[in-house]
Amino acid sequence: MDYVFLILASVFLIGGLIGSLLPVIPGPPLSWIGLLFIYFCSFITWDVNWLIITAIIAVVITILDFIIPAQGTKKMGGTKYGIWGTNIGLLVGIFTPIPMGIVVGPFVGAFIGELLQDHKDKSRAIKAAFGAFLGFLMSTFLKLVFCIYIFVYAITLVSKGLFV
């Protein structure tokens, strides 16, 4: 049964790493599920408290992933139109078959949203769009760091358990 848990853990850990870069896939929760599968391996012994702490962190990061790009727009002077444009642009960018659609989408969405609110103030629209882009980069970086940490931690746990 340990082999099944290890295979499932590997799939979820790799899926988490991929998901940390693609907004469609929830990277931190997938990485945590991989960690959970490792917890059930009979040759691994570690504290359940760490599993709970990492679960809380995964949930918080997943929630922040939706908040940070919109807050980036707001911090750079964006309005509700820009924030809505950021979120819509992110969704459209995910499903648009253009390269880097998930990066371009929030930027273009915030820009269009701000122009809908005030079509004369293009400089504010560009500034808000740049805030959306920075927010997207920050949230992606946060997810990636967490998923890499979980991945390395999982490898360390398994290697210690196998070679003890």
N, C-alpha and C. Protein backbone atom coordinates (compact mmCIF):
# COMPACT_ATOMS: atom_id res chain seq x y z
N MET A 1 0.81 -1.19 0.00
CA MET A 1 0.00 0.00 0.00
C MET A 1 0.86 1.26 0.00
N ASP A 2 2.04 1.16 0.59
CA ASP A 2 2.94 2.30 0.62
C ASP A 2 3.30 2.77 -0.79
N TYR A 3 3.45 1.84 -1.72
CA TYR A 3 3.78 2.21 -3.09
C TYR A 3 2.64 3.00 -3.74
N VAL A 4 1.42 2.63 -3.45
CA VAL A 4 0.26 3.35 -3.98
C VAL A 4 0.26 4.78 -3.42
N PHE A 5 0.49 4.90 -2.11
CA PHE A 5 0.55 6.22 -1.50
C PHE A 5 1.67 7.07 -2.10
N LEU A 6 2.82 6.45 -2.34
CA LEU A 6 3.94 7.20 -2.91
C LEU A 6 3.66 7.64 -4.35
N ILE A 7 3.02 6.77 -5.12
CA ILE A 7 2.68 7.14 -6.50
C ILE A 7 1.66 8.28 -6.50
N LEU A 8 0.63 8.16 -5.67
CA LEU A 8 -0.37 9.22 -5.58
C LEU A 8 0.27 10.53 -5.09
N ALA A 9 1.14 10.42 -4.10
CA ALA A 9 1.83 11.61 -3.60
C ALA A 9 2.64 12.28 -4.70
N SER A 10 3.34 11.48 -5.48
CA SER A 10 4.14 12.03 -6.58
C SER A 10 3.27 12.77 -7.59
N VAL A 11 2.15 12.16 -7.94
CA VAL A 11 1.24 12.78 -8.91
C VAL A 11 0.74 14.12 -8.38
N PHE A 12 0.33 14.14 -7.12
CA PHE A 12 -0.21 15.38 -6.54
C PHE A 12 0.88 16.43 -6.32
N LEU A 13 2.06 16.01 -5.93
CA LEU A 13 3.14 16.98 -5.75
C LEU A 13 3.55 17.62 -7.06
N ILE A 14 3.65 16.83 -8.11
CA ILE A 14 3.99 17.38 -9.43
C ILE A 14 2.83 18.25 -9.94
N GLY A 15 1.60 17.78 -9.72
CA GLY A 15 0.45 18.60 -10.09
C GLY A 15 0.43 19.92 -9.35
N GLY A 16 0.85 19.91 -8.10
CA GLY A 16 0.93 21.14 -7.31
C GLY A 16 1.95 22.12 -7.87
N LEU A 17 3.11 21.58 -8.27
CA LEU A 17 4.12 22.45 -8.89
C LEU A 17 3.61 23.07 -10.18
N ILE A 18 2.95 22.27 -10.99
CA ILE A 18 2.38 22.78 -12.24
C ILE A 18 1.29 23.80 -11.92
N GLY A 19 0.46 23.48 -10.95
CA GLY A 19 -0.63 24.37 -10.56
C GLY A 19 -0.17 25.67 -9.95
N SER A 20 1.03 25.71 -9.43
CA SER A 20 1.52 26.96 -8.88
C SER A 20 1.81 27.98 -9.98
N LEU A 21 1.97 27.48 -11.19
CA LEU A 21 2.21 28.38 -12.34
C LEU A 21 0.97 28.61 -13.19
N LEU A 22 0.03 27.68 -13.14
CA LEU A 22 -1.20 27.81 -13.92
C LEU A 22 -2.37 28.10 -12.99
N PRO A 23 -3.04 29.24 -13.18
CA PRO A 23 -4.12 29.61 -12.26
C PRO A 23 -5.31 28.65 -12.26
N VAL A 24 -5.48 27.86 -13.29
CA VAL A 24 -6.62 26.94 -13.36
C VAL A 24 -6.47 25.81 -12.35
N ILE A 25 -5.26 25.40 -12.08
CA ILE A 25 -4.99 24.26 -11.21
C ILE A 25 -4.59 24.79 -9.82
N PRO A 26 -5.27 24.35 -8.77
CA PRO A 26 -4.96 24.84 -7.42
C PRO A 26 -3.68 24.20 -6.87
N GLY A 27 -2.55 24.81 -7.14
CA GLY A 27 -1.25 24.23 -6.78
C GLY A 27 -1.04 23.92 -5.31
N PRO A 28 -1.20 24.90 -4.40
CA PRO A 28 -0.95 24.59 -2.98
C PRO A 28 -1.83 23.48 -2.41
N PRO A 29 -3.14 23.44 -2.69
CA PRO A 29 -3.91 22.31 -2.16
C PRO A 29 -3.47 20.96 -2.74
N LEU A 30 -3.11 20.93 -4.01
CA LEU A 30 -2.64 19.67 -4.60
C LEU A 30 -1.34 19.21 -3.94
N SER A 31 -0.42 20.15 -3.73
CA SER A 31 0.84 19.81 -3.06
C SER A 31 0.56 19.28 -1.67
N TRP A 32 -0.38 19.90 -0.96
CA TRP A 32 -0.69 19.44 0.38
C TRP A 32 -1.30 18.05 0.36
N ILE A 33 -2.14 17.76 -0.61
CA ILE A 33 -2.72 16.41 -0.71
C ILE A 33 -1.60 15.39 -0.94
N GLY A 34 -0.60 15.76 -1.74
CA GLY A 34 0.57 14.89 -1.91
C GLY A 34 1.26 14.62 -0.59
N LEU A 35 1.39 15.66 0.21
CA LEU A 35 1.99 15.51 1.54
C LEU A 35 1.13 14.61 2.42
N LEU A 36 -0.17 14.72 2.30
CA LEU A 36 -1.09 13.87 3.07
C LEU A 36 -0.90 12.39 2.72
N PHE A 37 -0.73 12.10 1.44
CA PHE A 37 -0.50 10.72 1.04
C PHE A 37 0.80 10.18 1.64
N ILE A 38 1.81 11.01 1.72
CA ILE A 38 3.07 10.58 2.33
C ILE A 38 2.87 10.32 3.82
N TYR A 39 2.01 11.11 4.44
CA TYR A 39 1.74 10.92 5.86
C TYR A 39 1.20 9.51 6.14
N PHE A 40 0.46 8.94 5.20
CA PHE A 40 -0.13 7.62 5.40
C PHE A 40 0.83 6.47 5.10
N CYS A 41 2.01 6.75 4.62
CA CYS A 41 3.01 5.69 4.40
C CYS A 41 3.48 5.16 5.75
N SER A 42 3.58 3.85 5.85
CA SER A 42 3.92 3.23 7.13
C SER A 42 5.36 3.49 7.58
N PHE A 43 6.25 3.78 6.67
CA PHE A 43 7.65 3.96 7.03
C PHE A 43 8.00 5.42 7.35
N ILE A 44 7.01 6.30 7.33
CA ILE A 44 7.23 7.71 7.64
C ILE A 44 6.61 8.01 9.00
N THR A 45 7.38 8.64 9.86
CA THR A 45 6.84 9.09 11.15
C THR A 45 7.11 10.57 11.31
N TRP A 46 6.04 11.33 11.48
CA TRP A 46 6.16 12.76 11.74
C TRP A 46 4.89 13.27 12.38
N ASP A 47 4.97 14.44 12.89
CA ASP A 47 3.91 15.02 13.70
C ASP A 47 2.74 15.49 12.84
N VAL A 48 1.53 15.15 13.25
CA VAL A 48 0.32 15.55 12.53
C VAL A 48 0.12 17.07 12.61
N ASN A 49 0.69 17.71 13.62
CA ASN A 49 0.56 19.17 13.73
C ASN A 49 1.15 19.88 12.52
N TRP A 50 2.25 19.37 12.00
CA TRP A 50 2.86 19.98 10.82
C TRP A 50 1.94 19.84 9.60
N LEU A 51 1.24 18.75 9.53
CA LEU A 51 0.28 18.53 8.46
C LEU A 51 -0.86 19.56 8.56
N ILE A 52 -1.31 19.83 9.75
CA ILE A 52 -2.38 20.81 9.96
C ILE A 52 -1.88 22.22 9.62
N ILE A 53 -0.69 22.55 10.06
CA ILE A 53 -0.12 23.88 9.78
C ILE A 53 0.04 24.09 8.28
N THR A 54 0.56 23.10 7.58
CA THR A 54 0.73 23.26 6.13
C THR A 54 -0.61 23.32 5.41
N ALA A 55 -1.64 22.65 5.95
CA ALA A 55 -2.98 22.73 5.36
C ALA A 55 -3.53 24.15 5.49
N ILE A 56 -3.35 24.74 6.64
CA ILE A 56 -3.81 26.12 6.86
C ILE A 56 -3.07 27.07 5.92
N ILE A 57 -1.77 26.89 5.79
CA ILE A 57 -0.99 27.75 4.90
C ILE A 57 -1.45 27.58 3.45
N ALA A 58 -1.72 26.34 3.04
CA ALA A 58 -2.19 26.09 1.67
C ALA A 58 -3.52 26.79 1.41
N VAL A 59 -4.42 26.75 2.37
CA VAL A 59 -5.72 27.41 2.22
C VAL A 59 -5.54 28.93 2.14
N VAL A 60 -4.72 29.47 3.02
CA VAL A 60 -4.49 30.92 3.03
C VAL A 60 -3.87 31.38 1.71
N ILE A 61 -2.89 30.65 1.21
CA ILE A 61 -2.25 31.02 -0.06
C ILE A 61 -3.25 30.93 -1.20
N THR A 62 -4.10 29.92 -1.18
CA THR A 62 -5.11 29.78 -2.24
C THR A 62 -6.09 30.95 -2.22
N ILE A 63 -6.49 31.38 -1.05
CA ILE A 63 -7.37 32.54 -0.94
C ILE A 63 -6.65 33.81 -1.40
N LEU A 64 -5.40 33.97 -0.96
CA LEU A 64 -4.62 35.15 -1.36
C LEU A 64 -4.40 35.21 -2.87
N ASP A 65 -4.38 34.06 -3.51
CA ASP A 65 -4.18 34.02 -4.96
C ASP A 65 -5.28 34.77 -5.69
N PHE A 66 -6.46 34.82 -5.11
CA PHE A 66 -7.56 35.57 -5.71
C PHE A 66 -7.56 37.04 -5.29
N ILE A 67 -6.99 37.32 -4.14
CA ILE A 67 -7.04 38.67 -3.59
C ILE A 67 -5.88 39.54 -4.08
N ILE A 68 -4.68 38.99 -4.15
CA ILE A 68 -3.48 39.78 -4.43
C ILE A 68 -3.54 40.52 -5.77
N PRO A 69 -3.91 39.89 -6.90
CA PRO A 69 -3.95 40.66 -8.15
C PRO A 69 -4.94 41.83 -8.10
N ALA A 70 -6.09 41.60 -7.48
CA ALA A 70 -7.07 42.69 -7.38
C ALA A 70 -6.55 43.80 -6.47
N GLN A 71 -5.86 43.43 -5.40
CA GLN A 71 -5.30 44.44 -4.51
C GLN A 71 -4.16 45.20 -5.18
N GLY A 72 -3.41 44.52 -6.04
CA GLY A 72 -2.37 45.22 -6.82
C GLY A 72 -2.99 46.29 -7.70
N THR A 73 -4.11 45.96 -8.29
CA THR A 73 -4.82 46.93 -9.12
C THR A 73 -5.28 48.11 -8.26
N LYS A 74 -5.84 47.79 -7.11
CA LYS A 74 -6.35 48.84 -6.22
C LYS A 74 -5.23 49.74 -5.71
N LYS A 75 -4.09 49.14 -5.34
CA LYS A 75 -2.96 49.91 -4.81
C LYS A 75 -2.40 50.89 -5.84
N MET A 76 -2.53 50.53 -7.09
CA MET A 76 -1.99 51.39 -8.16
C MET A 76 -3.05 52.35 -8.69
N GLY A 77 -4.10 52.58 -7.91
CA GLY A 77 -5.09 53.57 -8.28
C GLY A 77 -6.27 53.04 -9.06
N GLY A 78 -6.40 51.75 -9.14
CA GLY A 78 -7.50 51.17 -9.89
C GLY A 78 -8.82 51.28 -9.15
N THR A 79 -9.90 51.24 -9.89
CA THR A 79 -11.24 51.31 -9.32
C THR A 79 -11.86 49.91 -9.32
N LYS A 80 -13.14 49.85 -8.95
CA LYS A 80 -13.84 48.56 -8.98
C LYS A 80 -13.88 48.00 -10.40
N TYR A 81 -13.96 48.89 -11.37
CA TYR A 81 -13.96 48.44 -12.76
C TYR A 81 -12.64 47.74 -13.10
N GLY A 82 -11.54 48.30 -12.62
CA GLY A 82 -10.24 47.68 -12.87
C GLY A 82 -10.08 46.36 -12.15
N ILE A 83 -10.61 46.28 -10.93
CA ILE A 83 -10.53 45.04 -10.16
C ILE A 83 -11.35 43.95 -10.84
N TRP A 84 -12.56 44.30 -11.26
CA TRP A 84 -13.39 43.33 -11.99
C TRP A 84 -12.72 42.95 -13.31
N GLY A 85 -12.14 43.94 -13.97
CA GLY A 85 -11.43 43.65 -15.22
C GLY A 85 -10.26 42.71 -15.01
N THR A 86 -9.55 42.88 -13.89
CA THR A 86 -8.43 41.99 -13.57
C THR A 86 -8.92 40.55 -13.44
N ASN A 87 -9.98 40.36 -12.68
CA ASN A 87 -10.50 39.00 -12.46
C ASN A 87 -11.06 38.39 -13.74
N ILE A 88 -11.80 39.18 -14.51
CA ILE A 88 -12.33 38.68 -15.78
C ILE A 88 -11.20 38.40 -16.75
N GLY A 89 -10.22 39.29 -16.79
CA GLY A 89 -9.07 39.09 -17.68
C GLY A 89 -8.28 37.84 -17.33
N LEU A 90 -8.19 37.54 -16.04
CA LEU A 90 -7.50 36.32 -15.60
C LEU A 90 -8.23 35.10 -16.12
N LEU A 91 -9.55 35.09 -15.98
CA LEU A 91 -10.34 33.95 -16.47
C LEU A 91 -10.26 33.82 -17.99
N VAL A 92 -10.38 34.93 -18.68
CA VAL A 92 -10.30 34.90 -20.15
C VAL A 92 -8.90 34.47 -20.59
N GLY A 93 -7.89 34.98 -19.90
CA GLY A 93 -6.51 34.65 -20.25
C GLY A 93 -6.18 33.19 -20.09
N ILE A 94 -6.83 32.54 -19.13
CA ILE A 94 -6.60 31.12 -18.90
C ILE A 94 -7.05 30.31 -20.12
N PHE A 95 -8.20 30.69 -20.67
CA PHE A 95 -8.79 29.90 -21.75
C PHE A 95 -8.48 30.43 -23.14
N THR A 96 -7.74 31.52 -23.23
CA THR A 96 -7.35 32.07 -24.52
C THR A 96 -6.12 31.33 -25.04
N PRO A 97 -6.15 30.89 -26.28
CA PRO A 97 -5.02 30.11 -26.78
C PRO A 97 -3.81 30.94 -27.21
N ILE A 98 -3.63 32.11 -26.61
CA ILE A 98 -2.44 32.89 -26.94
C ILE A 98 -1.35 32.58 -25.92
N PRO A 99 -0.10 32.67 -26.33
CA PRO A 99 0.98 32.44 -25.37
C PRO A 99 0.92 33.47 -24.23
N MET A 100 1.13 33.03 -23.05
CA MET A 100 1.16 33.88 -21.86
C MET A 100 -0.19 34.56 -21.60
N GLY A 101 -1.28 33.93 -22.01
CA GLY A 101 -2.61 34.50 -21.80
C GLY A 101 -2.92 34.75 -20.34
N ILE A 102 -2.40 33.88 -19.45
CA ILE A 102 -2.68 34.05 -18.04
C ILE A 102 -1.92 35.24 -17.44
N VAL A 103 -0.89 35.69 -18.12
CA VAL A 103 -0.15 36.87 -17.68
C VAL A 103 -0.73 38.13 -18.30
N VAL A 104 -1.05 38.04 -19.58
CA VAL A 104 -1.57 39.19 -20.31
C VAL A 104 -3.02 39.48 -19.91
N GLY A 105 -3.80 38.46 -19.63
CA GLY A 105 -5.22 38.62 -19.33
C GLY A 105 -5.54 39.60 -18.22
N PRO A 106 -4.93 39.46 -17.02
CA PRO A 106 -5.22 40.42 -15.95
C PRO A 106 -4.82 41.85 -16.31
N PHE A 107 -3.71 41.99 -17.00
CA PHE A 107 -3.23 43.31 -17.41
C PHE A 107 -4.24 43.97 -18.35
N VAL A 108 -4.62 43.25 -19.40
CA VAL A 108 -5.56 43.78 -20.38
C VAL A 108 -6.94 43.99 -19.75
N GLY A 109 -7.35 43.06 -18.89
CA GLY A 109 -8.65 43.19 -18.23
C GLY A 109 -8.72 44.42 -17.35
N ALA A 110 -7.68 44.66 -16.56
CA ALA A 110 -7.65 45.86 -15.71
C ALA A 110 -7.65 47.12 -16.57
N PHE A 111 -6.88 47.10 -17.64
CA PHE A 111 -6.79 48.26 -18.53
C PHE A 111 -8.17 48.57 -19.14
N ILE A 112 -8.83 47.54 -19.66
CA ILE A 112 -10.15 47.74 -20.27
C ILE A 112 -11.17 48.18 -19.22
N GLY A 113 -11.12 47.56 -18.04
CA GLY A 113 -12.03 47.95 -16.96
C GLY A 113 -11.88 49.41 -16.58
N GLU A 114 -10.64 49.85 -16.48
CA GLU A 114 -10.40 51.26 -16.13
C GLU A 114 -10.84 52.19 -17.25
N LEU A 115 -10.65 51.77 -18.48
CA LEU A 115 -11.09 52.60 -19.60
C LEU A 115 -12.62 52.67 -19.66
N LEU A 116 -13.30 51.61 -19.26
CA LEU A 116 -14.76 51.64 -19.21
C LEU A 116 -15.24 52.64 -18.16
N GLN A 117 -14.49 52.74 -17.09
CA GLN A 117 -14.85 53.67 -16.02
C GLN A 117 -14.57 55.11 -16.44
N ASP A 118 -13.42 55.35 -17.05
CA ASP A 118 -13.04 56.70 -17.50
C ASP A 118 -12.13 56.55 -18.72
N HIS A 119 -12.73 56.66 -19.89
CA HIS A 119 -11.98 56.41 -21.13
C HIS A 119 -10.95 57.48 -21.45
N LYS A 120 -10.96 58.61 -20.75
CA LYS A 120 -10.01 59.70 -21.02
C LYS A 120 -8.70 59.55 -20.26
N ASP A 121 -8.72 58.83 -19.14
CA ASP A 121 -7.53 58.72 -18.29
C ASP A 121 -6.77 57.43 -18.56
N LYS A 122 -6.05 57.42 -19.68
CA LYS A 122 -5.31 56.22 -20.08
C LYS A 122 -4.11 55.95 -19.17
N SER A 123 -3.51 56.99 -18.63
CA SER A 123 -2.34 56.77 -17.78
C SER A 123 -2.73 56.05 -16.48
N ARG A 124 -3.88 56.40 -15.90
CA ARG A 124 -4.35 55.70 -14.71
C ARG A 124 -4.70 54.26 -15.06
N ALA A 125 -5.27 54.06 -16.23
CA ALA A 125 -5.62 52.70 -16.66
C ALA A 125 -4.37 51.84 -16.82
N ILE A 126 -3.33 52.40 -17.37
CA ILE A 126 -2.07 51.65 -17.52
C ILE A 126 -1.45 51.36 -16.16
N LYS A 127 -1.51 52.34 -15.28
CA LYS A 127 -0.95 52.16 -13.93
C LYS A 127 -1.71 51.04 -13.19
N ALA A 128 -3.03 51.04 -13.27
CA ALA A 128 -3.84 50.00 -12.62
C ALA A 128 -3.55 48.64 -13.25
N ALA A 129 -3.40 48.60 -14.55
CA ALA A 129 -3.09 47.35 -15.24
C ALA A 129 -1.73 46.81 -14.81
N PHE A 130 -0.78 47.70 -14.63
CA PHE A 130 0.54 47.29 -14.15
C PHE A 130 0.44 46.73 -12.74
N GLY A 131 -0.42 47.32 -11.91
CA GLY A 131 -0.66 46.80 -10.56
C GLY A 131 -1.23 45.39 -10.60
N ALA A 132 -2.15 45.15 -11.56
CA ALA A 132 -2.71 43.81 -11.72
C ALA A 132 -1.62 42.82 -12.11
N PHE A 133 -0.75 43.23 -13.00
CA PHE A 133 0.34 42.37 -13.45
C PHE A 133 1.28 42.05 -12.28
N LEU A 134 1.65 43.06 -11.51
CA LEU A 134 2.53 42.83 -10.35
C LEU A 134 1.85 41.92 -9.31
N GLY A 135 0.55 42.13 -9.09
CA GLY A 135 -0.18 41.28 -8.16
C GLY A 135 -0.20 39.84 -8.62
N PHE A 136 -0.39 39.65 -9.92
CA PHE A 136 -0.37 38.28 -10.46
C PHE A 136 1.00 37.63 -10.25
N LEU A 137 2.06 38.38 -10.52
CA LEU A 137 3.41 37.84 -10.33
C LEU A 137 3.67 37.51 -8.86
N MET A 138 3.22 38.37 -7.96
CA MET A 138 3.43 38.13 -6.53
C MET A 138 2.69 36.89 -6.06
N SER A 139 1.45 36.73 -6.49
CA SER A 139 0.69 35.56 -6.04
C SER A 139 1.25 34.28 -6.63
N THR A 140 1.70 34.33 -7.87
CA THR A 140 2.32 33.16 -8.50
C THR A 140 3.62 32.79 -7.78
N PHE A 141 4.41 33.78 -7.44
CA PHE A 141 5.66 33.54 -6.71
C PHE A 141 5.37 32.90 -5.35
N LEU A 142 4.37 33.40 -4.65
CA LEU A 142 4.01 32.85 -3.35
C LEU A 142 3.60 31.38 -3.47
N LYS A 143 2.77 31.07 -4.46
CA LYS A 143 2.34 29.67 -4.67
C LYS A 143 3.53 28.79 -5.02
N LEU A 144 4.40 29.29 -5.89
CA LEU A 144 5.54 28.50 -6.34
C LEU A 144 6.49 28.19 -5.18
N VAL A 145 6.77 29.18 -4.35
CA VAL A 145 7.66 28.97 -3.20
C VAL A 145 7.07 27.91 -2.27
N PHE A 146 5.78 28.01 -1.97
CA PHE A 146 5.13 27.03 -1.10
C PHE A 146 5.20 25.63 -1.70
N CYS A 147 4.86 25.51 -2.97
CA CYS A 147 4.83 24.18 -3.62
C CYS A 147 6.23 23.58 -3.73
N ILE A 148 7.23 24.39 -4.00
CA ILE A 148 8.61 23.88 -4.03
C ILE A 148 9.02 23.41 -2.63
N TYR A 149 8.67 24.20 -1.61
CA TYR A 149 9.00 23.80 -0.25
C TYR A 149 8.36 22.46 0.10
N ILE A 150 7.08 22.30 -0.20
CA ILE A 150 6.38 21.05 0.09
C ILE A 150 7.02 19.90 -0.68
N PHE A 151 7.37 20.13 -1.93
CA PHE A 151 8.00 19.11 -2.77
C PHE A 151 9.33 18.66 -2.16
N VAL A 152 10.18 19.60 -1.80
CA VAL A 152 11.48 19.27 -1.21
C VAL A 152 11.30 18.59 0.14
N TYR A 153 10.37 19.10 0.93
CA TYR A 153 10.08 18.50 2.24
C TYR A 153 9.62 17.06 2.08
N ALA A 154 8.76 16.81 1.12
CA ALA A 154 8.25 15.45 0.87
C ALA A 154 9.39 14.52 0.45
N ILE A 155 10.25 14.97 -0.43
CA ILE A 155 11.38 14.14 -0.87
C ILE A 155 12.28 13.83 0.32
N THR A 156 12.50 14.82 1.17
CA THR A 156 13.34 14.62 2.35
C THR A 156 12.70 13.59 3.29
N LEU A 157 11.40 13.70 3.51
CA LEU A 157 10.72 12.74 4.37
C LEU A 157 10.81 11.32 3.84
N VAL A 158 10.54 11.18 2.56
CA VAL A 158 10.55 9.84 1.96
C VAL A 158 11.96 9.26 1.98
N SER A 159 12.95 10.07 1.64
CA SER A 159 14.32 9.54 1.60
C SER A 159 14.79 9.16 3.01
N LYS A 160 14.42 9.94 4.01
CA LYS A 160 14.79 9.56 5.38
C LYS A 160 14.08 8.30 5.82
N GLY A 161 12.82 8.17 5.44
CA GLY A 161 12.04 6.99 5.81
C GLY A 161 12.53 5.73 5.12
N LEU A 162 12.95 5.86 3.87
CA LEU A 162 13.40 4.68 3.12
C LEU A 162 14.77 4.20 3.55
N PHE A 163 15.63 5.13 3.97
CA PHE A 163 17.01 4.76 4.24
C PHE A 163 17.35 4.77 5.71
N VAL A 164 16.37 4.57 6.55
CA VAL A 164 16.63 4.52 8.01
C VAL A 164 16.90 3.10 8.42
